[in-house]
C-alpha atoms as a PDB file:
ATOM      1  CA  MET A   1     146.730  72.213 248.443  1.00  0.00           C
ATOM      2  CA  THR A   2     147.880  71.514 252.075  1.00  0.00           C
ATOM      3  CA  ASP A   3     148.656  67.914 252.587  1.00  0.00           C
ATOM      4  CA  VAL A   4     149.888  66.462 256.161  1.00  0.00           C
ATOM      5  CA  THR A   5     151.627  62.862 256.435  1.00  0.00           C
ATOM      6  CA  HIS A   6     152.766  61.257 259.838  1.00  0.00           C
ATOM      7  CA  ASP A   7     155.829  58.673 259.602  1.00  0.00           C
ATOM      8  CA  PRO A   8     155.748  57.386 263.612  1.00  0.00           C
ATOM      9  CA  GLU A   9     159.066  55.220 262.917  1.00  0.00           C
ATOM     10  CA  ALA A  10     161.077  58.337 261.896  1.00  0.00           C
ATOM     11  CA  ASP A  11     159.010  60.834 264.437  1.00  0.00           C
ATOM     12  CA  ALA A  12     158.442  62.915 261.786  1.00  0.00           C
ATOM     13  CA  VAL A  13     155.355  65.301 259.840  1.00  0.00           C
ATOM     14  CA  TYR A  14     155.396  66.490 256.459  1.00  0.00           C
ATOM     15  CA  ILE A  15     153.307  69.535 255.719  1.00  0.00           C
ATOM     16  CA  THR A  16     152.697  70.146 251.830  1.00  0.00           C
ATOM     17  CA  VAL A  17     151.822  73.877 251.933  1.00  0.00           C
ATOM     18  CA  GLY A  18     152.070  74.842 248.254  1.00  0.00           C
ATOM     19  CA  GLY A  19     153.010  73.652 244.543  1.00  0.00           C
ATOM     20  CA  GLY A  20     156.237  74.169 242.491  1.00  0.00           C
ATOM     21  CA  ARG A  21     158.913  72.523 241.518  1.00  0.00           C
ATOM     22  CA  PHE A  22     161.553  71.607 244.387  1.00  0.00           C
ATOM     23  CA  ASP A  23     164.596  73.571 244.233  1.00  0.00           C
ATOM     24  CA  ARG A  24     166.522  73.322 247.828  1.00  0.00           C
ATOM     25  CA  THR A  25     166.240  73.194 251.474  1.00  0.00           C
ATOM     26  CA  ALA A  26     166.930  75.242 254.533  1.00  0.00           C
ATOM     27  CA  GLU A  27     167.005  74.116 257.997  1.00  0.00           C
ATOM     28  CA  ALA A  28     166.206  76.079 261.522  1.00  0.00           C
ATOM     29  CA  GLY A  29     166.229  73.382 264.469  1.00  0.00           C
ATOM     30  CA  PRO A  30     163.777  70.512 264.070  1.00  0.00           C
ATOM     31  CA  PHE A  31     162.280  71.941 260.418  1.00  0.00           C
ATOM     32  CA  ILE A  32     163.333  71.479 257.372  1.00  0.00           C
ATOM     33  CA  TYR A  33     161.861  73.900 254.459  1.00  0.00           C
ATOM     34  CA  ASP A  34     161.959  72.677 250.590  1.00  0.00           C
ATOM     35  CA  MET A  35     162.177  75.590 248.714  1.00  0.00           C
ATOM     36  CA  ASP A  36     161.351  76.122 244.919  1.00  0.00           C
ATOM     37  CA  SER A  37     163.768  78.559 242.522  1.00  0.00           C
ATOM     38  CA  GLU A  38     161.921  81.641 243.615  1.00  0.00           C
ATOM     39  CA  GLY A  39     162.691  80.829 247.431  1.00  0.00           C
ATOM     40  CA  ARG A  40     158.529  80.092 248.284  1.00  0.00           C
ATOM     41  CA  ILE A  41     158.472  77.352 250.679  1.00  0.00           C
ATOM     42  CA  ILE A  42     156.421  74.071 249.152  1.00  0.00           C
ATOM     43  CA  GLY A  43     157.108  71.843 252.282  1.00  0.00           C
ATOM     44  CA  ILE A  44     157.984  71.648 255.579  1.00  0.00           C
ATOM     45  CA  GLU A  45     159.109  68.829 257.598  1.00  0.00           C
ATOM     46  CA  ILE A  46     159.290  68.806 261.069  1.00  0.00           C
ATOM     47  CA  LEU A  47     161.937  66.062 262.889  1.00  0.00           C
ATOM     48  CA  SER A  48     161.263  64.692 266.672  1.00  0.00           C
ATOM     49  CA  ALA A  49     157.336  65.670 266.030  1.00  0.00           C
ATOM     50  CA  SER A  50     156.076  64.020 269.327  1.00  0.00           C
ATOM     51  CA  ARG A  51     158.490  66.378 271.237  1.00  0.00           C
ATOM     52  CA  VAL A  52     157.782  69.406 269.412  1.00  0.00           C
ATOM     53  CA  LEU A  53     154.596  69.380 268.382  1.00  0.00           C
ATOM     54  CA  ALA A  54     151.422  69.252 271.007  1.00  0.00           C
ATOM     55  CA  PRO A  55     148.811  66.297 270.695  1.00  0.00           C
ATOM     56  CA  GLY A  56     146.719  66.425 267.751  1.00  0.00           C
ATOM     57  CA  ASP A  57     145.230  65.184 264.271  1.00  0.00           C
ATOM     58  CA  TRP A  58     148.456  65.225 263.206  1.00  0.00           C
ATOM     59  CA  LYS A  59     149.051  61.830 264.793  1.00  0.00           C
ATOM     60  CA  ASN A  60     146.367  60.041 262.687  1.00  0.00           C
ATOM     61  CA  ALA A  61     147.887  61.965 259.180  1.00  0.00           C
ATOM     62  CA  ARG A  62     148.668  58.990 256.516  1.00  0.00           C
ATOM     63  CA  ARG A  63     151.508  57.902 256.213  1.00  0.00           C
ATOM     64  CA  PRO A  64     154.134  58.832 253.812  1.00  0.00           C
ATOM     65  CA  ASN A  65     153.563  57.411 250.423  1.00  0.00           C
ATOM     66  CA  THR A  66     150.080  56.043 250.691  1.00  0.00           C
ATOM     67  CA  GLU A  67     147.009  57.293 249.099  1.00  0.00           C
ATOM     68  CA  ASN A  68     145.419  60.416 249.940  1.00  0.00           C
ATOM     69  CA  VAL A  69     141.486  59.464 250.358  1.00  0.00           C
ATOM     70  CA  ASP A  70     139.193  62.476 249.834  1.00  0.00           C
ATOM     71  CA  ALA A  71     136.145  62.071 252.157  1.00  0.00           C
ATOM     72  CA  ALA A  72     134.123  63.098 249.559  1.00  0.00           C
ATOM     73  CA  GLU A  73     134.645  59.712 247.894  1.00  0.00           C
END
């Protein structure tokens, strides 16, 4: 269940990497990790994405708070 969003105004990318209920965050440089109560990472936010990430498809990811359209639909 991986999902990627890109907010160009904030220059941030969010990657949902697992299910679970949010409990806390941890920060390491431009990365912010959302974790569940067991300490498992459920999401990763990458700040200053245009400087941290190599150019790629992440720039075409949907914006946050928009519908995720399945290509099969």
